Amino acid sequence: MIPKLTQHLSFPNPLYASEEGLVAYGGDLSPSRLMMAYRMGIFPWYSLGDPILWWSPNPRLILNLDEFKLSRSLRKKIPQFEIRVDTNFSQVIRECSIASRRGQKGTWIIPDMIEAYETLHSLGYAHSVEAYQKGVLVGGLYGISVGGVFCGESMFAKISDASKVAFASLVDRLKRYGYTFIDCQVPTNHLKSLGAKEVSREFFLNQLREIYQKSDEEIHWL
């Protein structure tokens, strides 16, 4: 039986989530609850009209920063873009919400989610990496910074490779500031092609615990 969250700020142990990865349902998207969830390896993912669903999938997809695969062709495209950080978070998350994705109908980035993550951005937890050409936003990504981990949420590209260039810039930035890996959440072939790998839920949760103990919770983003 999947637990229903109450007003009390807590989550069940994600190690015992369902086979599909569902940890709990209900609760709210307050900053305190969201950041508690991410620190525990849990994230919200649900559709309009559904209750808030909280997930910790098994397997989990992560990218160790030293294992990022920067192809020669992508390296050549990097100079074609101007990369900015945290200059247009609201537009990035909205572009992600309307981006078409193969095999997927609709979006989980619904208005309540957009509002919640904009609040996290204002508090310094949510960040965007943006790719521009001639001053126009053509790709980017956003996610949550927690300790030595960046939890990637979504990306979009209006022209070829724009999101990949933003992702490459993110990896470089995270390396420079002492992060350990990117939590890519759910396995996709696209992210695997960039070096991400599947790990067990138990391994992932143990990694989180060790990182937070070493990092004294927060690493500065910039």
N, C-alpha and C. Protein backbone atom coordinates (compact mmCIF):
# COMPACT_ATOMS: atom_id res chain seq x y z
N MET A 1 0.84 -1.20 0.00
CA MET A 1 0.00 0.00 0.00
C MET A 1 0.88 1.25 0.00
N ILE A 2 0.63 2.16 -0.93
CA ILE A 2 1.44 3.37 -1.03
C ILE A 2 1.00 4.37 0.04
N PRO A 3 1.92 4.87 0.86
CA PRO A 3 1.55 5.81 1.92
C PRO A 3 1.06 7.15 1.38
N LYS A 4 0.10 7.75 2.08
CA LYS A 4 -0.36 9.09 1.78
C LYS A 4 0.29 10.06 2.74
N LEU A 5 0.87 11.13 2.21
CA LEU A 5 1.53 12.11 3.06
C LEU A 5 0.51 12.98 3.77
N THR A 6 0.87 13.42 4.96
CA THR A 6 0.04 14.33 5.74
C THR A 6 0.71 15.70 5.77
N GLN A 7 0.20 16.59 6.59
CA GLN A 7 0.82 17.91 6.73
C GLN A 7 2.17 17.82 7.43
N HIS A 8 2.39 16.73 8.15
CA HIS A 8 3.68 16.53 8.81
C HIS A 8 4.78 16.40 7.76
N LEU A 9 5.88 17.09 7.95
CA LEU A 9 6.95 17.14 6.96
C LEU A 9 7.84 15.90 7.08
N SER A 10 7.48 14.85 6.35
CA SER A 10 8.26 13.61 6.38
C SER A 10 7.93 12.78 5.16
N PHE A 11 8.82 11.80 4.87
CA PHE A 11 8.63 10.85 3.78
C PHE A 11 8.94 9.45 4.28
N PRO A 12 8.31 8.45 3.69
CA PRO A 12 8.73 7.07 3.97
C PRO A 12 10.14 6.84 3.45
N ASN A 13 10.79 5.82 3.95
CA ASN A 13 12.12 5.47 3.47
C ASN A 13 12.04 5.07 2.00
N PRO A 14 12.73 5.78 1.09
CA PRO A 14 12.63 5.48 -0.33
C PRO A 14 13.20 4.10 -0.70
N LEU A 15 14.01 3.54 0.18
CA LEU A 15 14.56 2.21 -0.09
C LEU A 15 13.45 1.17 -0.24
N TYR A 16 12.30 1.47 0.37
CA TYR A 16 11.19 0.51 0.33
C TYR A 16 10.06 0.99 -0.58
N ALA A 17 10.41 1.77 -1.59
CA ALA A 17 9.42 2.22 -2.56
C ALA A 17 8.90 1.02 -3.35
N SER A 18 7.80 1.23 -4.07
CA SER A 18 7.22 0.16 -4.86
C SER A 18 8.17 -0.26 -5.97
N GLU A 19 7.86 -1.37 -6.61
CA GLU A 19 8.70 -1.85 -7.71
C GLU A 19 8.81 -0.81 -8.82
N GLU A 20 7.73 -0.04 -9.04
CA GLU A 20 7.75 1.02 -10.07
C GLU A 20 8.51 2.25 -9.60
N GLY A 21 8.77 2.36 -8.30
CA GLY A 21 9.51 3.50 -7.78
C GLY A 21 8.66 4.50 -7.02
N LEU A 22 7.37 4.22 -6.85
CA LEU A 22 6.49 5.17 -6.15
C LEU A 22 6.71 5.07 -4.64
N VAL A 23 7.03 6.22 -4.03
CA VAL A 23 7.32 6.28 -2.60
C VAL A 23 6.07 6.65 -1.80
N ALA A 24 5.33 7.66 -2.28
CA ALA A 24 4.17 8.16 -1.55
C ALA A 24 3.37 9.06 -2.48
N TYR A 25 2.22 9.50 -2.01
CA TYR A 25 1.43 10.47 -2.76
C TYR A 25 0.85 11.49 -1.80
N GLY A 26 0.44 12.64 -2.38
CA GLY A 26 -0.15 13.69 -1.55
C GLY A 26 0.90 14.69 -1.08
N GLY A 27 0.57 15.40 -0.01
CA GLY A 27 1.47 16.42 0.49
C GLY A 27 1.35 17.70 -0.31
N ASP A 28 2.46 18.41 -0.44
CA ASP A 28 2.45 19.69 -1.14
C ASP A 28 3.80 19.89 -1.83
N LEU A 29 3.93 21.03 -2.52
CA LEU A 29 5.17 21.36 -3.22
C LEU A 29 5.87 22.54 -2.55
N SER A 30 5.77 22.61 -1.25
CA SER A 30 6.45 23.68 -0.52
C SER A 30 7.96 23.50 -0.64
N PRO A 31 8.73 24.59 -0.55
CA PRO A 31 10.18 24.47 -0.64
C PRO A 31 10.77 23.49 0.38
N SER A 32 10.25 23.51 1.59
CA SER A 32 10.79 22.62 2.63
C SER A 32 10.57 21.16 2.26
N ARG A 33 9.39 20.83 1.76
CA ARG A 33 9.11 19.44 1.41
C ARG A 33 9.90 19.02 0.17
N LEU A 34 9.97 19.90 -0.82
CA LEU A 34 10.72 19.57 -2.02
C LEU A 34 12.19 19.32 -1.72
N MET A 35 12.80 20.18 -0.93
CA MET A 35 14.23 20.01 -0.65
C MET A 35 14.47 18.79 0.24
N MET A 36 13.55 18.49 1.14
CA MET A 36 13.66 17.26 1.92
C MET A 36 13.61 16.05 0.99
N ALA A 37 12.69 16.11 0.02
CA ALA A 37 12.57 15.00 -0.92
C ALA A 37 13.87 14.79 -1.69
N TYR A 38 14.43 15.86 -2.26
CA TYR A 38 15.65 15.71 -3.05
C TYR A 38 16.82 15.21 -2.20
N ARG A 39 16.90 15.65 -0.97
CA ARG A 39 17.98 15.17 -0.09
C ARG A 39 17.82 13.69 0.22
N MET A 40 16.60 13.18 0.10
CA MET A 40 16.34 11.76 0.36
C MET A 40 16.33 10.93 -0.92
N GLY A 41 16.61 11.55 -2.06
CA GLY A 41 16.60 10.80 -3.31
C GLY A 41 15.21 10.60 -3.89
N ILE A 42 14.31 11.53 -3.60
CA ILE A 42 12.91 11.45 -4.04
C ILE A 42 12.60 12.69 -4.87
N PHE A 43 11.74 12.55 -5.88
CA PHE A 43 11.33 13.72 -6.66
C PHE A 43 9.86 13.59 -7.05
N PRO A 44 9.16 14.72 -7.26
CA PRO A 44 7.75 14.67 -7.68
C PRO A 44 7.63 14.50 -9.19
N TRP A 45 6.62 13.75 -9.61
CA TRP A 45 6.40 13.50 -11.03
C TRP A 45 4.96 13.03 -11.20
N TYR A 46 4.12 13.90 -11.75
CA TYR A 46 2.71 13.56 -11.88
C TYR A 46 2.08 14.42 -12.95
N SER A 47 0.86 14.09 -13.34
CA SER A 47 0.17 14.80 -14.41
C SER A 47 -0.95 15.67 -13.85
N LEU A 48 -1.42 16.60 -14.66
CA LEU A 48 -2.50 17.48 -14.26
C LEU A 48 -3.73 16.66 -13.91
N GLY A 49 -4.33 16.94 -12.75
CA GLY A 49 -5.50 16.22 -12.30
C GLY A 49 -5.20 15.06 -11.37
N ASP A 50 -3.94 14.65 -11.29
CA ASP A 50 -3.54 13.57 -10.39
C ASP A 50 -3.08 14.15 -9.06
N PRO A 51 -3.06 13.33 -8.00
CA PRO A 51 -2.41 13.77 -6.76
C PRO A 51 -0.91 13.86 -7.00
N ILE A 52 -0.21 14.59 -6.14
CA ILE A 52 1.24 14.67 -6.24
C ILE A 52 1.82 13.29 -5.97
N LEU A 53 2.63 12.79 -6.90
CA LEU A 53 3.26 11.48 -6.77
C LEU A 53 4.75 11.67 -6.55
N TRP A 54 5.31 10.94 -5.60
CA TRP A 54 6.72 11.08 -5.22
C TRP A 54 7.45 9.78 -5.56
N TRP A 55 8.59 9.90 -6.27
CA TRP A 55 9.25 8.75 -6.85
C TRP A 55 10.71 8.61 -6.42
N SER A 56 11.15 7.36 -6.36
CA SER A 56 12.57 7.03 -6.23
C SER A 56 12.78 5.75 -7.04
N PRO A 57 13.04 5.90 -8.35
CA PRO A 57 13.04 4.75 -9.26
C PRO A 57 14.20 3.78 -9.03
N ASN A 58 13.98 2.57 -9.48
CA ASN A 58 15.00 1.53 -9.45
C ASN A 58 14.93 0.77 -10.77
N PRO A 59 15.95 0.90 -11.64
CA PRO A 59 17.25 1.54 -11.40
C PRO A 59 17.16 3.06 -11.51
N ARG A 60 18.24 3.70 -11.09
CA ARG A 60 18.38 5.15 -11.17
C ARG A 60 19.47 5.47 -12.19
N LEU A 61 19.31 6.57 -12.90
CA LEU A 61 20.32 6.97 -13.88
C LEU A 61 21.15 8.11 -13.31
N ILE A 62 22.47 7.93 -13.28
CA ILE A 62 23.36 8.98 -12.80
C ILE A 62 24.50 9.18 -13.80
N LEU A 63 25.07 10.36 -13.78
CA LEU A 63 26.25 10.65 -14.60
C LEU A 63 27.38 11.09 -13.68
N ASN A 64 28.37 10.23 -13.50
CA ASN A 64 29.58 10.66 -12.82
C ASN A 64 30.29 11.67 -13.72
N LEU A 65 30.66 12.79 -13.19
CA LEU A 65 31.13 13.89 -14.02
C LEU A 65 32.35 13.52 -14.86
N ASP A 66 33.22 12.68 -14.33
CA ASP A 66 34.42 12.29 -15.07
C ASP A 66 34.11 11.31 -16.20
N GLU A 67 32.88 10.82 -16.25
CA GLU A 67 32.50 9.85 -17.28
C GLU A 67 31.66 10.49 -18.39
N PHE A 68 31.54 11.81 -18.37
CA PHE A 68 30.80 12.50 -19.43
C PHE A 68 31.51 12.32 -20.77
N LYS A 69 30.73 11.97 -21.80
CA LYS A 69 31.29 11.75 -23.13
C LYS A 69 31.03 12.96 -24.01
N LEU A 70 32.08 13.74 -24.23
CA LEU A 70 31.99 14.90 -25.10
C LEU A 70 32.54 14.51 -26.46
N SER A 71 31.65 14.27 -27.41
CA SER A 71 32.09 13.84 -28.73
C SER A 71 32.83 14.96 -29.46
N ARG A 72 33.60 14.57 -30.45
CA ARG A 72 34.35 15.54 -31.23
C ARG A 72 33.39 16.49 -31.97
N SER A 73 32.30 15.94 -32.48
CA SER A 73 31.35 16.76 -33.23
C SER A 73 30.66 17.78 -32.32
N LEU A 74 30.34 17.35 -31.08
CA LEU A 74 29.70 18.28 -30.14
C LEU A 74 30.69 19.36 -29.70
N ARG A 75 31.93 18.97 -29.49
CA ARG A 75 32.96 19.94 -29.08
C ARG A 75 33.08 21.07 -30.11
N LYS A 76 32.96 20.72 -31.39
CA LYS A 76 33.07 21.71 -32.45
C LYS A 76 31.90 22.69 -32.44
N LYS A 77 30.75 22.25 -31.91
CA LYS A 77 29.57 23.11 -31.92
C LYS A 77 29.50 24.07 -30.73
N ILE A 78 30.29 23.82 -29.71
CA ILE A 78 30.23 24.64 -28.50
C ILE A 78 30.43 26.13 -28.80
N PRO A 79 31.40 26.52 -29.65
CA PRO A 79 31.60 27.96 -29.92
C PRO A 79 30.42 28.63 -30.63
N GLN A 80 29.48 27.85 -31.15
CA GLN A 80 28.34 28.42 -31.85
C GLN A 80 27.29 28.99 -30.90
N PHE A 81 27.44 28.71 -29.59
CA PHE A 81 26.43 29.11 -28.61
C PHE A 81 27.04 30.00 -27.53
N GLU A 82 26.22 30.90 -27.04
CA GLU A 82 26.56 31.65 -25.83
C GLU A 82 25.84 30.99 -24.66
N ILE A 83 26.59 30.64 -23.64
CA ILE A 83 26.01 29.97 -22.48
C ILE A 83 25.86 30.96 -21.33
N ARG A 84 24.68 31.00 -20.77
CA ARG A 84 24.42 31.82 -19.58
C ARG A 84 23.83 30.94 -18.49
N VAL A 85 23.97 31.38 -17.25
CA VAL A 85 23.48 30.62 -16.10
C VAL A 85 22.54 31.49 -15.28
N ASP A 86 21.35 30.97 -15.03
CA ASP A 86 20.39 31.61 -14.13
C ASP A 86 19.97 33.01 -14.58
N THR A 87 19.94 33.27 -15.89
CA THR A 87 19.49 34.58 -16.34
C THR A 87 18.03 34.56 -16.82
N ASN A 88 17.48 33.36 -17.06
CA ASN A 88 16.11 33.29 -17.56
C ASN A 88 15.48 31.96 -17.18
N PHE A 89 15.49 31.67 -15.88
CA PHE A 89 14.97 30.40 -15.38
C PHE A 89 13.52 30.18 -15.80
N SER A 90 12.70 31.21 -15.67
CA SER A 90 11.27 31.07 -15.96
C SER A 90 11.01 30.65 -17.40
N GLN A 91 11.75 31.23 -18.33
CA GLN A 91 11.55 30.86 -19.72
C GLN A 91 12.04 29.43 -19.99
N VAL A 92 13.15 29.06 -19.36
CA VAL A 92 13.67 27.71 -19.55
C VAL A 92 12.66 26.66 -19.09
N ILE A 93 12.11 26.81 -17.90
CA ILE A 93 11.19 25.80 -17.40
C ILE A 93 9.91 25.78 -18.23
N ARG A 94 9.49 26.92 -18.74
CA ARG A 94 8.31 26.94 -19.59
C ARG A 94 8.58 26.31 -20.96
N GLU A 95 9.76 26.52 -21.50
CA GLU A 95 10.11 25.87 -22.76
C GLU A 95 10.19 24.35 -22.56
N CYS A 96 10.71 23.93 -21.43
CA CYS A 96 10.75 22.49 -21.14
C CYS A 96 9.35 21.90 -21.04
N SER A 97 8.42 22.69 -20.52
CA SER A 97 7.06 22.19 -20.31
C SER A 97 6.31 21.97 -21.62
N ILE A 98 6.70 22.66 -22.68
CA ILE A 98 5.99 22.53 -23.96
C ILE A 98 6.81 21.78 -25.01
N ALA A 99 8.01 21.36 -24.65
CA ALA A 99 8.86 20.63 -25.60
C ALA A 99 8.24 19.28 -25.92
N SER A 100 8.20 18.93 -27.19
CA SER A 100 7.68 17.62 -27.59
C SER A 100 8.74 16.55 -27.32
N ARG A 101 8.29 15.39 -26.83
CA ARG A 101 9.20 14.31 -26.50
C ARG A 101 8.68 13.01 -27.09
N ARG A 102 9.56 12.28 -27.72
CA ARG A 102 9.19 11.04 -28.40
C ARG A 102 8.53 10.06 -27.42
N GLY A 103 7.37 9.55 -27.79
CA GLY A 103 6.68 8.55 -26.98
C GLY A 103 5.99 9.11 -25.75
N GLN A 104 5.88 10.42 -25.67
CA GLN A 104 5.28 11.02 -24.47
C GLN A 104 4.20 12.01 -24.86
N LYS A 105 3.04 11.87 -24.22
CA LYS A 105 1.95 12.80 -24.45
C LYS A 105 1.79 13.69 -23.21
N GLY A 106 1.59 14.97 -23.44
CA GLY A 106 1.42 15.88 -22.31
C GLY A 106 2.73 16.16 -21.60
N THR A 107 2.63 16.71 -20.40
CA THR A 107 3.82 17.08 -19.63
C THR A 107 3.54 16.96 -18.15
N TRP A 108 4.60 16.68 -17.39
CA TRP A 108 4.50 16.70 -15.94
C TRP A 108 4.84 18.09 -15.40
N ILE A 109 5.35 18.97 -16.25
CA ILE A 109 5.73 20.31 -15.79
C ILE A 109 4.49 21.20 -15.90
N ILE A 110 3.58 20.98 -14.99
CA ILE A 110 2.29 21.67 -14.98
C ILE A 110 2.43 22.99 -14.21
N PRO A 111 1.43 23.87 -14.27
CA PRO A 111 1.57 25.18 -13.61
C PRO A 111 2.00 25.14 -12.15
N ASP A 112 1.46 24.21 -11.37
CA ASP A 112 1.86 24.13 -9.96
C ASP A 112 3.35 23.80 -9.81
N MET A 113 3.84 22.93 -10.69
CA MET A 113 5.26 22.58 -10.66
C MET A 113 6.12 23.79 -11.05
N ILE A 114 5.70 24.51 -12.08
CA ILE A 114 6.44 25.69 -12.51
C ILE A 114 6.53 26.70 -11.38
N GLU A 115 5.43 26.96 -10.72
CA GLU A 115 5.43 27.91 -9.61
C GLU A 115 6.34 27.46 -8.48
N ALA A 116 6.29 26.15 -8.17
CA ALA A 116 7.10 25.63 -7.07
C ALA A 116 8.60 25.74 -7.38
N TYR A 117 8.99 25.44 -8.62
CA TYR A 117 10.41 25.48 -8.96
C TYR A 117 10.91 26.91 -9.16
N GLU A 118 10.03 27.80 -9.56
CA GLU A 118 10.41 29.21 -9.60
C GLU A 118 10.69 29.72 -8.19
N THR A 119 9.93 29.23 -7.22
CA THR A 119 10.20 29.60 -5.83
C THR A 119 11.54 29.04 -5.38
N LEU A 120 11.84 27.78 -5.74
CA LEU A 120 13.15 27.21 -5.40
C LEU A 120 14.28 28.00 -6.05
N HIS A 121 14.04 28.47 -7.27
CA HIS A 121 15.05 29.29 -7.95
C HIS A 121 15.29 30.59 -7.18
N SER A 122 14.23 31.21 -6.72
CA SER A 122 14.37 32.46 -5.98
C SER A 122 15.11 32.26 -4.66
N LEU A 123 15.07 31.01 -4.14
CA LEU A 123 15.75 30.68 -2.88
C LEU A 123 17.17 30.17 -3.11
N GLY A 124 17.57 30.05 -4.38
CA GLY A 124 18.93 29.65 -4.68
C GLY A 124 19.15 28.16 -4.83
N TYR A 125 18.09 27.37 -4.90
CA TYR A 125 18.23 25.91 -5.04
C TYR A 125 18.07 25.43 -6.48
N ALA A 126 17.19 26.03 -7.25
CA ALA A 126 16.95 25.62 -8.63
C ALA A 126 17.74 26.52 -9.58
N HIS A 127 18.32 25.92 -10.61
CA HIS A 127 19.19 26.66 -11.51
C HIS A 127 18.92 26.28 -12.96
N SER A 128 19.23 27.22 -13.84
CA SER A 128 19.10 26.97 -15.27
C SER A 128 20.42 27.23 -15.96
N VAL A 129 20.70 26.43 -16.99
CA VAL A 129 21.83 26.66 -17.89
C VAL A 129 21.22 26.87 -19.26
N GLU A 130 21.57 27.98 -19.90
CA GLU A 130 20.85 28.43 -21.11
C GLU A 130 21.81 28.59 -22.29
N ALA A 131 21.36 28.15 -23.46
CA ALA A 131 22.14 28.29 -24.69
C ALA A 131 21.47 29.31 -25.60
N TYR A 132 22.22 30.30 -26.04
CA TYR A 132 21.69 31.38 -26.88
C TYR A 132 22.44 31.44 -28.21
N GLN A 133 21.73 31.88 -29.23
CA GLN A 133 22.33 32.27 -30.50
C GLN A 133 21.76 33.62 -30.90
N LYS A 134 22.65 34.59 -31.13
CA LYS A 134 22.25 35.94 -31.49
C LYS A 134 21.24 36.51 -30.49
N GLY A 135 21.45 36.19 -29.21
CA GLY A 135 20.62 36.72 -28.14
C GLY A 135 19.30 36.02 -27.95
N VAL A 136 19.05 34.96 -28.72
CA VAL A 136 17.79 34.23 -28.62
C VAL A 136 18.01 32.90 -27.90
N LEU A 137 17.16 32.60 -26.91
CA LEU A 137 17.25 31.35 -26.17
C LEU A 137 16.84 30.19 -27.08
N VAL A 138 17.77 29.26 -27.33
CA VAL A 138 17.49 28.17 -28.26
C VAL A 138 17.60 26.79 -27.60
N GLY A 139 17.98 26.75 -26.34
CA GLY A 139 18.08 25.48 -25.64
C GLY A 139 18.50 25.69 -24.20
N GLY A 140 18.35 24.67 -23.39
CA GLY A 140 18.77 24.79 -22.01
C GLY A 140 18.23 23.68 -21.15
N LEU A 141 18.48 23.80 -19.86
CA LEU A 141 18.07 22.79 -18.89
C LEU A 141 17.91 23.45 -17.53
N TYR A 142 17.24 22.73 -16.63
CA TYR A 142 17.14 23.22 -15.26
C TYR A 142 17.18 22.04 -14.30
N GLY A 143 17.51 22.32 -13.05
CA GLY A 143 17.57 21.27 -12.04
C GLY A 143 17.80 21.87 -10.67
N ILE A 144 18.02 20.97 -9.71
CA ILE A 144 18.14 21.35 -8.30
C ILE A 144 19.53 21.02 -7.80
N SER A 145 20.14 21.96 -7.10
CA SER A 145 21.45 21.75 -6.50
C SER A 145 21.28 21.36 -5.03
N VAL A 146 21.77 20.16 -4.69
CA VAL A 146 21.67 19.67 -3.31
C VAL A 146 23.01 19.07 -2.91
N GLY A 147 23.73 19.75 -2.02
CA GLY A 147 25.02 19.23 -1.62
C GLY A 147 25.94 19.10 -2.81
N GLY A 148 26.57 17.95 -2.96
CA GLY A 148 27.48 17.72 -4.08
C GLY A 148 26.82 17.07 -5.27
N VAL A 149 25.49 17.17 -5.36
CA VAL A 149 24.74 16.53 -6.43
C VAL A 149 23.87 17.57 -7.14
N PHE A 150 23.83 17.48 -8.47
CA PHE A 150 22.88 18.29 -9.24
C PHE A 150 21.81 17.35 -9.75
N CYS A 151 20.56 17.64 -9.39
CA CYS A 151 19.43 16.81 -9.79
C CYS A 151 18.81 17.39 -11.04
N GLY A 152 19.11 16.80 -12.18
CA GLY A 152 18.59 17.30 -13.44
C GLY A 152 17.11 17.02 -13.59
N GLU A 153 16.37 18.02 -14.01
CA GLU A 153 14.92 17.88 -14.15
C GLU A 153 14.47 17.75 -15.60
N SER A 154 14.86 18.69 -16.45
CA SER A 154 14.40 18.64 -17.84
C SER A 154 15.28 19.53 -18.70
N MET A 155 15.24 19.28 -20.03
CA MET A 155 15.97 20.11 -20.97
C MET A 155 15.15 20.26 -22.24
N PHE A 156 15.53 21.25 -23.05
CA PHE A 156 14.85 21.45 -24.32
C PHE A 156 15.84 21.98 -25.34
N ALA A 157 15.52 21.82 -26.60
CA ALA A 157 16.36 22.36 -27.68
C ALA A 157 15.47 22.76 -28.84
N LYS A 158 15.65 23.99 -29.29
CA LYS A 158 14.92 24.46 -30.48
C LYS A 158 15.74 24.26 -31.74
N ILE A 159 17.03 24.10 -31.58
CA ILE A 159 17.90 23.76 -32.72
C ILE A 159 18.82 22.63 -32.28
N SER A 160 19.35 21.92 -33.23
CA SER A 160 20.14 20.72 -32.95
C SER A 160 21.30 20.99 -32.00
N ASP A 161 21.40 20.13 -30.99
CA ASP A 161 22.51 20.10 -30.04
C ASP A 161 22.55 21.25 -29.04
N ALA A 162 21.56 22.13 -29.05
CA ALA A 162 21.58 23.26 -28.11
C ALA A 162 21.54 22.78 -26.66
N SER A 163 20.70 21.80 -26.37
CA SER A 163 20.61 21.31 -24.99
C SER A 163 21.86 20.52 -24.61
N LYS A 164 22.47 19.82 -25.58
CA LYS A 164 23.69 19.07 -25.30
C LYS A 164 24.84 20.01 -24.95
N VAL A 165 24.92 21.14 -25.64
CA VAL A 165 25.96 22.11 -25.34
C VAL A 165 25.73 22.71 -23.94
N ALA A 166 24.48 22.98 -23.60
CA ALA A 166 24.17 23.47 -22.25
C ALA A 166 24.55 22.42 -21.21
N PHE A 167 24.30 21.16 -21.53
CA PHE A 167 24.62 20.06 -20.61
C PHE A 167 26.14 19.95 -20.43
N ALA A 168 26.89 20.08 -21.53
CA ALA A 168 28.35 20.03 -21.45
C ALA A 168 28.88 21.16 -20.58
N SER A 169 28.28 22.34 -20.70
CA SER A 169 28.67 23.47 -19.87
C SER A 169 28.36 23.21 -18.40
N LEU A 170 27.21 22.58 -18.15
CA LEU A 170 26.84 22.23 -16.78
C LEU A 170 27.88 21.29 -16.17
N VAL A 171 28.25 20.26 -16.91
CA VAL A 171 29.24 19.30 -16.41
C VAL A 171 30.54 20.01 -16.06
N ASP A 172 31.01 20.88 -16.93
CA ASP A 172 32.25 21.61 -16.68
C ASP A 172 32.14 22.47 -15.43
N ARG A 173 31.02 23.15 -15.28
CA ARG A 173 30.81 24.01 -14.12
C ARG A 173 30.77 23.20 -12.82
N LEU A 174 30.06 22.08 -12.86
CA LEU A 174 29.95 21.25 -11.65
C LEU A 174 31.31 20.69 -11.24
N LYS A 175 32.12 20.30 -12.22
CA LYS A 175 33.46 19.82 -11.90
C LYS A 175 34.27 20.89 -11.17
N ARG A 176 34.19 22.11 -11.68
CA ARG A 176 34.98 23.21 -11.10
C ARG A 176 34.54 23.54 -9.68
N TYR A 177 33.29 23.26 -9.36
CA TYR A 177 32.81 23.63 -8.03
C TYR A 177 32.63 22.42 -7.11
N GLY A 178 33.24 21.31 -7.47
CA GLY A 178 33.35 20.20 -6.52
C GLY A 178 32.17 19.28 -6.41
N TYR A 179 31.30 19.26 -7.40
CA TYR A 179 30.17 18.33 -7.37
C TYR A 179 30.65 16.92 -7.73
N THR A 180 29.84 15.94 -7.43
CA THR A 180 30.21 14.54 -7.64
C THR A 180 29.54 13.93 -8.86
N PHE A 181 28.22 14.06 -8.96
CA PHE A 181 27.53 13.50 -10.11
C PHE A 181 26.21 14.23 -10.36
N ILE A 182 25.64 13.97 -11.53
CA ILE A 182 24.31 14.47 -11.88
C ILE A 182 23.32 13.34 -11.74
N ASP A 183 22.25 13.59 -11.00
CA ASP A 183 21.16 12.64 -10.90
C ASP A 183 20.25 12.85 -12.12
N CYS A 184 20.29 11.90 -13.05
CA CYS A 184 19.48 12.00 -14.27
C CYS A 184 18.12 11.33 -14.10
N GLN A 185 17.90 10.76 -12.92
CA GLN A 185 16.61 10.20 -12.53
C GLN A 185 16.22 8.94 -13.30
N VAL A 186 15.53 9.11 -14.43
CA VAL A 186 14.97 7.97 -15.16
C VAL A 186 15.84 7.64 -16.37
N PRO A 187 16.17 6.37 -16.60
CA PRO A 187 17.04 6.00 -17.73
C PRO A 187 16.47 6.40 -19.09
N THR A 188 17.33 7.03 -19.91
CA THR A 188 17.00 7.34 -21.30
C THR A 188 18.22 7.04 -22.16
N ASN A 189 18.00 6.64 -23.39
CA ASN A 189 19.12 6.36 -24.30
C ASN A 189 19.93 7.61 -24.59
N HIS A 190 19.24 8.76 -24.65
CA HIS A 190 19.92 10.02 -24.93
C HIS A 190 20.98 10.32 -23.86
N LEU A 191 20.60 10.19 -22.59
CA LEU A 191 21.54 10.49 -21.52
C LEU A 191 22.61 9.41 -21.39
N LYS A 192 22.24 8.18 -21.69
CA LYS A 192 23.24 7.11 -21.68
C LYS A 192 24.32 7.37 -22.72
N SER A 193 23.93 7.95 -23.86
CA SER A 193 24.90 8.24 -24.91
C SER A 193 25.91 9.29 -24.46
N LEU A 194 25.55 10.07 -23.43
CA LEU A 194 26.44 11.10 -22.90
C LEU A 194 27.28 10.59 -21.74
N GLY A 195 27.10 9.31 -21.39
CA GLY A 195 27.92 8.72 -20.34
C GLY A 195 27.18 8.34 -19.07
N ALA A 196 25.89 8.62 -18.99
CA ALA A 196 25.13 8.26 -17.80
C ALA A 196 24.97 6.75 -17.71
N LYS A 197 24.84 6.23 -16.50
CA LYS A 197 24.71 4.79 -16.30
C LYS A 197 23.64 4.49 -15.26
N GLU A 198 23.10 3.28 -15.36
CA GLU A 198 22.08 2.83 -14.42
C GLU A 198 22.75 2.24 -13.18
N VAL A 199 22.20 2.61 -12.02
CA VAL A 199 22.65 2.01 -10.76
C VAL A 199 21.42 1.61 -9.96
N SER A 200 21.59 0.76 -9.00
CA SER A 200 20.46 0.35 -8.17
C SER A 200 20.02 1.47 -7.26
N ARG A 201 18.78 1.42 -6.84
CA ARG A 201 18.26 2.42 -5.90
C ARG A 201 19.09 2.43 -4.62
N GLU A 202 19.43 1.26 -4.12
CA GLU A 202 20.21 1.17 -2.89
C GLU A 202 21.58 1.82 -3.04
N PHE A 203 22.24 1.56 -4.17
CA PHE A 203 23.55 2.18 -4.42
C PHE A 203 23.41 3.69 -4.48
N PHE A 204 22.41 4.17 -5.18
CA PHE A 204 22.20 5.60 -5.32
C PHE A 204 21.97 6.27 -3.96
N LEU A 205 21.11 5.70 -3.15
CA LEU A 205 20.80 6.28 -1.84
C LEU A 205 22.03 6.27 -0.94
N ASN A 206 22.83 5.22 -1.02
CA ASN A 206 24.06 5.17 -0.23
C ASN A 206 25.04 6.25 -0.69
N GLN A 207 25.11 6.47 -2.01
CA GLN A 207 25.98 7.52 -2.54
C GLN A 207 25.55 8.89 -2.03
N LEU A 208 24.25 9.14 -2.04
CA LEU A 208 23.74 10.42 -1.53
C LEU A 208 24.15 10.62 -0.08
N ARG A 209 23.96 9.60 0.71
CA ARG A 209 24.26 9.71 2.13
C ARG A 209 25.74 10.04 2.35
N GLU A 210 26.62 9.37 1.63
CA GLU A 210 28.06 9.61 1.78
C GLU A 210 28.45 11.02 1.33
N ILE A 211 27.85 11.46 0.23
CA ILE A 211 28.18 12.79 -0.30
C ILE A 211 27.76 13.89 0.66
N TYR A 212 26.56 13.78 1.21
CA TYR A 212 26.08 14.82 2.11
C TYR A 212 26.90 14.87 3.39
N GLN A 213 27.37 13.73 3.83
CA GLN A 213 28.20 13.70 5.03
C GLN A 213 29.53 14.42 4.79
N LYS A 214 30.06 14.28 3.56
CA LYS A 214 31.35 14.89 3.24
C LYS A 214 31.23 16.37 2.89
N SER A 215 30.10 16.75 2.30
CA SER A 215 29.98 18.09 1.73
C SER A 215 29.48 19.14 2.71
N ASP A 216 29.14 18.71 3.93
CA ASP A 216 28.55 19.65 4.89
C ASP A 216 27.31 20.29 4.28
N GLU A 217 26.54 19.49 3.59
CA GLU A 217 25.23 19.79 3.00
C GLU A 217 25.28 20.58 1.71
N GLU A 218 25.69 21.85 1.71
CA GLU A 218 25.58 22.64 0.49
C GLU A 218 26.93 23.03 -0.09
N ILE A 219 27.06 22.87 -1.40
CA ILE A 219 28.22 23.39 -2.14
C ILE A 219 27.74 24.62 -2.90
N HIS A 220 28.53 25.66 -2.91
CA HIS A 220 28.11 26.88 -3.61
C HIS A 220 28.01 26.63 -5.10
N TRP A 221 26.96 27.16 -5.70
CA TRP A 221 26.71 26.97 -7.13
C TRP A 221 27.68 27.77 -7.98
N LEU A 222 27.98 28.99 -7.58
CA LEU A 222 28.86 29.85 -8.36
C LEU A 222 30.04 30.31 -7.49
